[in-house]
Structures are given as C-alpha cells and as structure tokens.
PDB file of N, CA and C in Angstrom:
ATOM      1  N   MET A   1     -16.516  -9.422 -21.278  1.00  0.00           N
ATOM      2  CA  MET A   1     -15.385  -9.399 -20.263  1.00  0.00           C
ATOM      3  C   MET A   1     -16.065  -9.518 -18.625  1.00  0.00           C
ATOM      4  N   THR A   2     -15.580 -10.293 -17.867  1.00  0.00           N
ATOM      5  CA  THR A   2     -16.304 -10.275 -16.510  1.00  0.00           C
ATOM      6  C   THR A   2     -15.596  -9.105 -15.847  1.00  0.00           C
ATOM      7  N   GLU A   3     -16.495  -8.723 -14.869  1.00  0.00           N
ATOM      8  CA  GLU A   3     -15.971  -7.704 -13.869  1.00  0.00           C
ATOM      9  C   GLU A   3     -15.302  -8.538 -12.654  1.00  0.00           C
ATOM     10  N   ARG A   4     -14.198  -7.738 -12.085  1.00  0.00           N
ATOM     11  CA  ARG A   4     -13.582  -8.509 -11.086  1.00  0.00           C
ATOM     12  C   ARG A   4     -14.375  -8.016  -9.920  1.00  0.00           C
ATOM     13  N   GLY A   5     -14.367  -8.857  -8.600  1.00  0.00           N
ATOM     14  CA  GLY A   5     -14.996  -8.352  -7.424  1.00  0.00           C
ATOM     15  C   GLY A   5     -14.481  -6.931  -7.072  1.00  0.00           C
ATOM     16  N   LEU A   6     -15.038  -6.324  -5.821  1.00  0.00           N
ATOM     17  CA  LEU A   6     -14.408  -5.063  -5.304  1.00  0.00           C
ATOM     18  C   LEU A   6     -13.191  -5.614  -4.634  1.00  0.00           C
ATOM     19  N   ARG A   7     -12.077  -4.766  -5.202  1.00  0.00           N
ATOM     20  CA  ARG A   7     -10.965  -5.015  -4.564  1.00  0.00           C
ATOM     21  C   ARG A   7     -10.410  -3.784  -3.640  1.00  0.00           C
ATOM     22  N   ARG A   8      -9.778  -4.036  -2.471  1.00  0.00           N
ATOM     23  CA  ARG A   8      -9.617  -3.127  -1.583  1.00  0.00           C
ATOM     24  C   ARG A   8      -8.602  -2.141  -2.361  1.00  0.00           C
ATOM     25  N   ARG A   9      -8.700  -0.905  -2.096  1.00  0.00           N
ATOM     26  CA  ARG A   9      -7.787   0.248  -2.396  1.00  0.00           C
ATOM     27  C   ARG A   9      -7.367   0.992  -1.100  1.00  0.00           C
ATOM     28  N   LEU A  10      -6.062   1.103  -0.917  1.00  0.00           N
ATOM     29  CA  LEU A  10      -5.618   1.814   0.229  1.00  0.00           C
ATOM     30  C   LEU A  10      -4.723   2.792  -0.301  1.00  0.00           C
ATOM     31  N   VAL A  11      -4.356   3.876   0.602  1.00  0.00           N
ATOM     32  CA  VAL A  11      -3.489   5.127   0.515  1.00  0.00           C
ATOM     33  C   VAL A  11      -2.270   4.888   1.654  1.00  0.00           C
ATOM     34  N   GLY A  12      -0.987   4.928   0.968  1.00  0.00           N
ATOM     35  CA  GLY A  12       0.059   4.719   1.976  1.00  0.00           C
ATOM     36  C   GLY A  12       1.289   5.503   1.561  1.00  0.00           C
ATOM     37  N   THR A  13       2.150   5.374   2.408  1.00  0.00           N
ATOM     38  CA  THR A  13       3.684   5.999   2.128  1.00  0.00           C
ATOM     39  C   THR A  13       4.714   5.034   1.731  1.00  0.00           C
ATOM     40  N   VAL A  14       5.517   5.385   0.909  1.00  0.00           N
ATOM     41  CA  VAL A  14       6.421   4.333   0.542  1.00  0.00           C
ATOM     42  C   VAL A  14       7.536   4.468   1.437  1.00  0.00           C
ATOM     43  N   VAL A  15       7.828   3.441   2.123  1.00  0.00           N
ATOM     44  CA  VAL A  15       9.027   3.454   3.163  1.00  0.00           C
ATOM     45  C   VAL A  15      10.365   2.750   2.840  1.00  0.00           C
ATOM     46  N   SER A  16      10.189   1.777   1.711  1.00  0.00           N
ATOM     47  CA  SER A  16      11.373   1.271   0.976  1.00  0.00           C
ATOM     48  C   SER A  16      11.241   1.018  -0.586  1.00  0.00           C
ATOM     49  N   ASN A  17      12.347   1.132  -1.071  1.00  0.00           N
ATOM     50  CA  ASN A  17      12.174   0.728  -2.439  1.00  0.00           C
ATOM     51  C   ASN A  17      13.666   0.108  -2.966  1.00  0.00           C
ATOM     52  N   LYS A  18      14.226  -0.604  -2.101  1.00  0.00           N
ATOM     53  CA  LYS A  18      15.279  -1.162  -2.409  1.00  0.00           C
ATOM     54  C   LYS A  18      15.285  -2.675  -3.167  1.00  0.00           C
ATOM     55  N   MET A  19      13.960  -3.214  -3.382  1.00  0.00           N
ATOM     56  CA  MET A  19      13.794  -4.372  -3.978  1.00  0.00           C
ATOM     57  C   MET A  19      13.377  -4.193  -5.659  1.00  0.00           C
ATOM     58  N   ASN A  20      13.684  -4.880  -6.480  1.00  0.00           N
ATOM     59  CA  ASN A  20      13.440  -4.509  -7.613  1.00  0.00           C
ATOM     60  C   ASN A  20      12.046  -4.804  -7.791  1.00  0.00           C
ATOM     61  N   LYS A  21      11.467  -3.993  -8.727  1.00  0.00           N
ATOM     62  CA  LYS A  21       9.880  -3.950  -8.959  1.00  0.00           C
ATOM     63  C   LYS A  21       9.032  -4.169  -7.684  1.00  0.00           C
ATOM     64  N   THR A  22       9.479  -3.724  -6.684  1.00  0.00           N
ATOM     65  CA  THR A  22       8.731  -3.846  -5.491  1.00  0.00           C
ATOM     66  C   THR A  22       8.821  -2.682  -4.480  1.00  0.00           C
ATOM     67  N   ALA A  23       7.828  -2.110  -3.925  1.00  0.00           N
ATOM     68  CA  ALA A  23       7.802  -0.999  -3.034  1.00  0.00           C
ATOM     69  C   ALA A  23       6.967  -1.475  -1.660  1.00  0.00           C
ATOM     70  N   LEU A  24       7.887  -1.112  -0.570  1.00  0.00           N
ATOM     71  CA  LEU A  24       7.111  -1.520   0.713  1.00  0.00           C
ATOM     72  C   LEU A  24       6.412  -0.136   1.020  1.00  0.00           C
ATOM     73  N   VAL A  25       5.002  -0.382   1.498  1.00  0.00           N
ATOM     74  CA  VAL A  25       4.110   0.685   1.555  1.00  0.00           C
ATOM     75  C   VAL A  25       3.517   0.678   2.981  1.00  0.00           C
ATOM     76  N   LEU A  26       3.672   1.861   3.770  1.00  0.00           N
ATOM     77  CA  LEU A  26       3.227   1.840   5.141  1.00  0.00           C
ATOM     78  C   LEU A  26       1.656   2.393   5.156  1.00  0.00           C
ATOM     79  N   VAL A  27       0.744   1.832   5.642  1.00  0.00           N
ATOM     80  CA  VAL A  27      -0.579   2.342   5.620  1.00  0.00           C
ATOM     81  C   VAL A  27      -1.140   2.533   7.025  1.00  0.00           C
ATOM     82  N   GLU A  28      -1.482   3.745   7.424  1.00  0.00           N
ATOM     83  CA  GLU A  28      -1.912   3.981   8.649  1.00  0.00           C
ATOM     84  C   GLU A  28      -3.270   4.167   8.798  1.00  0.00           C
ATOM     85  N   ARG A  29      -4.014   3.676   9.790  1.00  0.00           N
ATOM     86  CA  ARG A  29      -5.460   3.813   9.809  1.00  0.00           C
ATOM     87  C   ARG A  29      -5.916   3.910  11.358  1.00  0.00           C
ATOM     88  N   LEU A  30      -6.968   4.646  11.688  1.00  0.00           N
ATOM     89  CA  LEU A  30      -7.322   4.859  13.012  1.00  0.00           C
ATOM     90  C   LEU A  30      -8.499   3.874  13.427  1.00  0.00           C
ATOM     91  N   THR A  31      -8.319   3.260  14.345  1.00  0.00           N
ATOM     92  CA  THR A  31      -9.302   2.184  14.875  1.00  0.00           C
ATOM     93  C   THR A  31      -9.746   2.739  16.260  1.00  0.00           C
ATOM     94  N   LYS A  32     -10.978   2.338  16.688  1.00  0.00           N
ATOM     95  CA  LYS A  32     -11.404   2.563  17.859  1.00  0.00           C
ATOM     96  C   LYS A  32     -11.047   1.483  18.855  1.00  0.00           C
ATOM     97  N   HIS A  33     -10.456   1.677  20.263  1.00  0.00           N
ATOM     98  CA  HIS A  33     -10.302   0.689  21.112  1.00  0.00           C
ATOM     99  C   HIS A  33     -11.600   0.435  21.680  1.00  0.00           C
ATOM    100  N   ARG A  34     -12.045  -0.841  21.924  1.00  0.00           N
ATOM    101  CA  ARG A  34     -13.276  -1.449  22.127  1.00  0.00           C
ATOM    102  C   ARG A  34     -13.529  -0.991  23.769  1.00  0.00           C
ATOM    103  N   THR A  35     -12.504  -1.118  24.577  1.00  0.00           N
ATOM    104  CA  THR A  35     -12.710  -0.960  25.992  1.00  0.00           C
ATOM    105  C   THR A  35     -12.767   0.705  26.221  1.00  0.00           C
ATOM    106  N   TYR A  36     -11.612   1.319  25.812  1.00  0.00           N
ATOM    107  CA  TYR A  36     -11.373   2.830  26.400  1.00  0.00           C
ATOM    108  C   TYR A  36     -11.976   3.875  25.316  1.00  0.00           C
ATOM    109  N   ASN A  37     -12.541   3.284  24.256  1.00  0.00           N
ATOM    110  CA  ASN A  37     -13.352   4.270  23.279  1.00  0.00           C
ATOM    111  C   ASN A  37     -12.129   5.314  22.950  1.00  0.00           C
ATOM    112  N   LYS A  38     -11.026   4.915  22.806  1.00  0.00           N
ATOM    113  CA  LYS A  38     -10.047   6.074  22.306  1.00  0.00           C
ATOM    114  C   LYS A  38      -9.453   5.642  20.892  1.00  0.00           C
ATOM    115  N   TYR A  39      -9.182   6.430  20.128  1.00  0.00           N
ATOM    116  CA  TYR A  39      -8.751   6.150  18.611  1.00  0.00           C
ATOM    117  C   TYR A  39      -7.296   5.638  18.802  1.00  0.00           C
ATOM    118  N   VAL A  40      -7.079   4.661  18.312  1.00  0.00           N
ATOM    119  CA  VAL A  40      -5.403   4.329  18.283  1.00  0.00           C
ATOM    120  C   VAL A  40      -5.088   3.921  16.872  1.00  0.00           C
ATOM    121  N   LYS A  41      -3.831   4.437  16.500  1.00  0.00           N
ATOM    122  CA  LYS A  41      -3.107   4.413  15.318  1.00  0.00           C
ATOM    123  C   LYS A  41      -2.708   3.033  15.074  1.00  0.00           C
ATOM    124  N   ARG A  42      -3.295   2.294  13.851  1.00  0.00           N
ATOM    125  CA  ARG A  42      -2.806   1.076  13.475  1.00  0.00           C
ATOM    126  C   ARG A  42      -1.907   1.172  12.219  1.00  0.00           C
ATOM    127  N   ARG A  43      -0.736   0.513  12.036  1.00  0.00           N
ATOM    128  CA  ARG A  43       0.054   0.593  10.961  1.00  0.00           C
ATOM    129  C   ARG A  43       0.450  -0.838  10.371  1.00  0.00           C
ATOM    130  N   VAL A  44       0.306  -0.756   9.242  1.00  0.00           N
ATOM    131  CA  VAL A  44       0.694  -2.058   8.223  1.00  0.00           C
ATOM    132  C   VAL A  44       1.522  -2.007   7.156  1.00  0.00           C
ATOM    133  N   LYS A  45       2.505  -2.735   6.856  1.00  0.00           N
ATOM    134  CA  LYS A  45       3.290  -2.663   5.835  1.00  0.00           C
ATOM    135  C   LYS A  45       2.886  -3.688   4.749  1.00  0.00           C
ATOM    136  N   TYR A  46       2.677  -3.126   3.457  1.00  0.00           N
ATOM    137  CA  TYR A  46       2.391  -3.984   2.487  1.00  0.00           C
ATOM    138  C   TYR A  46       3.493  -4.012   1.259  1.00  0.00           C
ATOM    139  N   MET A  47       3.787  -5.116   0.825  1.00  0.00           N
ATOM    140  CA  MET A  47       4.647  -5.006  -0.473  1.00  0.00           C
ATOM    141  C   MET A  47       3.808  -4.739  -1.540  1.00  0.00           C
ATOM    142  N   ALA A  48       4.136  -3.767  -2.662  1.00  0.00           N
ATOM    143  CA  ALA A  48       3.365  -3.551  -3.666  1.00  0.00           C
ATOM    144  C   ALA A  48       3.921  -3.830  -4.926  1.00  0.00           C
ATOM    145  N   HIS A  49       3.615  -4.223  -6.049  1.00  0.00           N
ATOM    146  CA  HIS A  49       4.320  -4.580  -7.187  1.00  0.00           C
ATOM    147  C   HIS A  49       4.226  -3.070  -8.083  1.00  0.00           C
ATOM    148  N   ASP A  50       5.712  -2.605  -8.344  1.00  0.00           N
ATOM    149  CA  ASP A  50       5.854  -1.326  -9.178  1.00  0.00           C
ATOM    150  C   ASP A  50       6.737  -1.662 -10.168  1.00  0.00           C
ATOM    151  N   PRO A  51       6.198  -2.016 -11.195  1.00  0.00           N
ATOM    152  CA  PRO A  51       6.816  -2.571 -12.354  1.00  0.00           C
ATOM    153  C   PRO A  51       7.843  -1.614 -13.080  1.00  0.00           C
ATOM    154  N   GLN A  52       7.679  -0.247 -12.978  1.00  0.00           N
ATOM    155  CA  GLN A  52       8.839   0.700 -13.666  1.00  0.00           C
ATOM    156  C   GLN A  52       9.612   1.119 -12.797  1.00  0.00           C
ATOM    157  N   ASN A  53       9.443   0.684 -11.225  1.00  0.00           N
ATOM    158  CA  ASN A  53      10.506   0.972 -10.494  1.00  0.00           C
ATOM    159  C   ASN A  53      10.406   2.658 -10.055  1.00  0.00           C
ATOM    160  N   LEU A  54       9.250   3.239 -10.266  1.00  0.00           N
ATOM    161  CA  LEU A  54       9.144   4.797 -10.174  1.00  0.00           C
ATOM    162  C   LEU A  54       9.068   5.112  -8.707  1.00  0.00           C
ATOM    163  N   CYS A  55       8.399   4.516  -7.723  1.00  0.00           N
ATOM    164  CA  CYS A  55       8.334   4.860  -6.405  1.00  0.00           C
ATOM    165  C   CYS A  55       9.534   5.197  -5.785  1.00  0.00           C
ATOM    166  N   GLN A  56       9.560   6.385  -5.109  1.00  0.00           N
ATOM    167  CA  GLN A  56      10.863   6.886  -4.250  1.00  0.00           C
ATOM    168  C   GLN A  56      10.055   7.004  -2.685  1.00  0.00           C
ATOM    169  N   ILE A  57      11.296   6.777  -2.026  1.00  0.00           N
ATOM    170  CA  ILE A  57      10.920   6.790  -0.422  1.00  0.00           C
ATOM    171  C   ILE A  57      10.200   8.209  -0.056  1.00  0.00           C
ATOM    172  N   GLY A  58       9.137   8.159   0.668  1.00  0.00           N
ATOM    173  CA  GLY A  58       8.341   9.203   1.039  1.00  0.00           C
ATOM    174  C   GLY A  58       7.227   9.537   0.125  1.00  0.00           C
ATOM    175  N   ASP A  59       6.983   9.055  -1.118  1.00  0.00           N
ATOM    176  CA  ASP A  59       5.957   9.378  -2.002  1.00  0.00           C
ATOM    177  C   ASP A  59       4.721   8.498  -1.343  1.00  0.00           C
ATOM    178  N   LYS A  60       3.528   9.382  -1.655  1.00  0.00           N
ATOM    179  CA  LYS A  60       2.219   9.071  -1.216  1.00  0.00           C
ATOM    180  C   LYS A  60       1.755   8.107  -2.430  1.00  0.00           C
ATOM    181  N   VAL A  61       1.212   6.824  -2.217  1.00  0.00           N
ATOM    182  CA  VAL A  61       0.861   6.334  -3.288  1.00  0.00           C
ATOM    183  C   VAL A  61      -0.462   5.397  -3.013  1.00  0.00           C
ATOM    184  N   ARG A  62      -1.519   5.148  -4.033  1.00  0.00           N
ATOM    185  CA  ARG A  62      -2.624   4.334  -3.995  1.00  0.00           C
ATOM    186  C   ARG A  62      -2.281   2.991  -4.479  1.00  0.00           C
ATOM    187  N   ILE A  63      -2.693   1.863  -3.608  1.00  0.00           N
ATOM    188  CA  ILE A  63      -2.413   0.637  -4.059  1.00  0.00           C
ATOM    189  C   ILE A  63      -3.663  -0.176  -4.103  1.00  0.00           C
ATOM    190  N   ILE A  64      -3.848  -1.160  -4.800  1.00  0.00           N
ATOM    191  CA  ILE A  64      -5.141  -1.994  -4.946  1.00  0.00           C
ATOM    192  C   ILE A  64      -4.716  -3.544  -4.940  1.00  0.00           C
ATOM    193  N   GLU A  65      -5.633  -4.246  -4.306  1.00  0.00           N
ATOM    194  CA  GLU A  65      -5.359  -5.481  -3.998  1.00  0.00           C
ATOM    195  C   GLU A  65      -5.576  -6.324  -5.208  1.00  0.00           C
ATOM    196  N   SER A  66      -4.684  -7.428  -5.511  1.00  0.00           N
ATOM    197  CA  SER A  66      -4.459  -8.187  -6.743  1.00  0.00           C
ATOM    198  C   SER A  66      -4.264  -9.778  -6.310  1.00  0.00           C
ATOM    199  N   ARG A  67      -4.089 -10.497  -7.444  1.00  0.00           N
ATOM    200  CA  ARG A  67      -3.682 -11.690  -7.178  1.00  0.00           C
ATOM    201  C   ARG A  67      -2.379 -12.022  -6.501  1.00  0.00           C
ATOM    202  N   PRO A  68      -1.953 -13.064  -5.841  1.00  0.00           N
ATOM    203  CA  PRO A  68      -0.680 -13.252  -5.191  1.00  0.00           C
ATOM    204  C   PRO A  68       0.465 -13.129  -6.430  1.00  0.00           C
ATOM    205  N   LEU A  69       1.378 -12.362  -6.198  1.00  0.00           N
ATOM    206  CA  LEU A  69       2.639 -12.386  -7.079  1.00  0.00           C
ATOM    207  C   LEU A  69       3.689 -13.081  -6.701  1.00  0.00           C
ATOM    208  N   SER A  70       3.838 -13.246  -5.210  1.00  0.00           N
ATOM    209  CA  SER A  70       4.884 -13.768  -4.583  1.00  0.00           C
ATOM    210  C   SER A  70       4.415 -14.273  -3.178  1.00  0.00           C
ATOM    211  N   LYS A  71       5.280 -14.486  -2.312  1.00  0.00           N
ATOM    212  CA  LYS A  71       4.880 -15.085  -1.017  1.00  0.00           C
ATOM    213  C   LYS A  71       4.220 -14.035  -0.210  1.00  0.00           C
ATOM    214  N   ARG A  72       4.670 -12.707  -0.292  1.00  0.00           N
ATOM    215  CA  ARG A  72       4.270 -11.581   0.489  1.00  0.00           C
ATOM    216  C   ARG A  72       3.549 -10.474  -0.438  1.00  0.00           C
ATOM    217  N   LYS A  73       3.893 -10.669  -1.803  1.00  0.00           N
ATOM    218  CA  LYS A  73       3.275  -9.650  -2.399  1.00  0.00           C
ATOM    219  C   LYS A  73       1.971  -9.685  -3.137  1.00  0.00           C
ATOM    220  N   ARG A  74       0.758  -8.881  -2.739  1.00  0.00           N
ATOM    221  CA  ARG A  74      -0.401  -9.126  -3.202  1.00  0.00           C
ATOM    222  C   ARG A  74      -1.034  -7.824  -3.508  1.00  0.00           C
ATOM    223  N   TRP A  75      -0.341  -6.796  -3.751  1.00  0.00           N
ATOM    224  CA  TRP A  75      -1.026  -5.472  -3.967  1.00  0.00           C
ATOM    225  C   TRP A  75      -0.142  -4.776  -5.260  1.00  0.00           C
ATOM    226  N   HIS A  76      -0.665  -3.722  -5.905  1.00  0.00           N
ATOM    227  CA  HIS A  76      -0.099  -3.297  -7.050  1.00  0.00           C
ATOM    228  C   HIS A  76      -0.262  -1.695  -6.702  1.00  0.00           C
ATOM    229  N   VAL A  77       0.809  -1.017  -6.994  1.00  0.00           N
ATOM    230  CA  VAL A  77       0.727   0.461  -7.080  1.00  0.00           C
ATOM    231  C   VAL A  77      -0.012   0.890  -8.355  1.00  0.00           C
ATOM    232  N   ILE A  78      -0.952   1.642  -8.117  1.00  0.00           N
ATOM    233  CA  ILE A  78      -1.691   2.134  -9.287  1.00  0.00           C
ATOM    234  C   ILE A  78      -1.393   3.471  -9.633  1.00  0.00           C
ATOM    235  N   GLU A  79      -1.133   4.416  -8.579  1.00  0.00           N
ATOM    236  CA  GLU A  79      -0.741   5.727  -8.911  1.00  0.00           C
ATOM    237  C   GLU A  79      -0.068   6.518  -7.864  1.00  0.00           C
ATOM    238  N   ARG A  80       0.722   7.303  -8.325  1.00  0.00           N
ATOM    239  CA  ARG A  80       1.615   8.246  -7.125  1.00  0.00           C
ATOM    240  C   ARG A  80       0.850   9.331  -6.873  1.00  0.00           C
ATOM    241  N   ILE A  81       0.451   9.630  -5.641  1.00  0.00           N
ATOM    242  CA  ILE A  81      -0.438  11.071  -5.378  1.00  0.00           C
ATOM    243  C   ILE A  81       0.547  12.100  -5.027  1.00  0.00           C
ATOM    244  N   ASN A  82       1.281  12.081  -4.198  1.00  0.00           N
ATOM    245  CA  ASN A  82       2.231  13.066  -3.646  1.00  0.00           C
ATOM    246  C   ASN A  82       3.649  12.646  -4.196  1.00  0.00           C
ATOM    247  N   ILE A  83       4.497  13.260  -4.961  1.00  0.00           N
ATOM    248  CA  ILE A  83       5.671  12.987  -5.422  1.00  0.00           C
ATOM    249  C   ILE A  83       6.944  13.471  -4.754  1.00  0.00           C
ATOM    250  N   VAL A  84       7.696  12.774  -3.948  1.00  0.00           N
ATOM    251  CA  VAL A  84       8.693  13.706  -3.431  1.00  0.00           C
ATOM    252  C   VAL A  84       9.843  13.873  -4.215  1.00  0.00           C
ATOM    253  N   VAL A  85      10.549  15.155  -4.545  1.00  0.00           N
ATOM    254  CA  VAL A  85      11.570  15.176  -5.312  1.00  0.00           C
ATOM    255  C   VAL A  85      12.771  14.986  -4.704  1.00  0.00           C
TER     256      VAL A  85
END
C-alpha cells in the first residue's frame, strides 16, 4: 500500500452544522504583518466532511486535507477535541 503525501492538519471551531454530513469549521491563525511587524489574526472557514453528523456548534475539531468531495469541500473531520454539551 502506498503512503499518501503529507496532508495538512488544522484545528478549528465548528460554526455551522446545518448541512447534511458537512460542518463549517473556522480556523484562526496568527501571521506577522510585513510592514508593521505586528501579529494579525487571520480567519478562514473550511467545509469539512462529517459522515455521522456528530459535530455540534462550538466543538473544537481537527480536520485533515483530502481529495475534493464537492465544489467547496476538501477536508475531513478526523476527531473532536473539545465537545460542547
């Protein structure tokens, strides 16, 4: 069996779970501004595949890059880190 290349893994917060088998995950990261050398918070939303519809809004999840599943969905939820009750 061949190994897959390095796939990106990110940690984010679920902000929407209204779609069937899909969770919208907000990933925040700090980047340094080139001119001002100040750290700026950058936010990106990723659609991630959640086959059992387990993710709830507010859950902290780890996602991994995968093959395209639809027009905008290219990530899989691999685990829930902090579960909101």
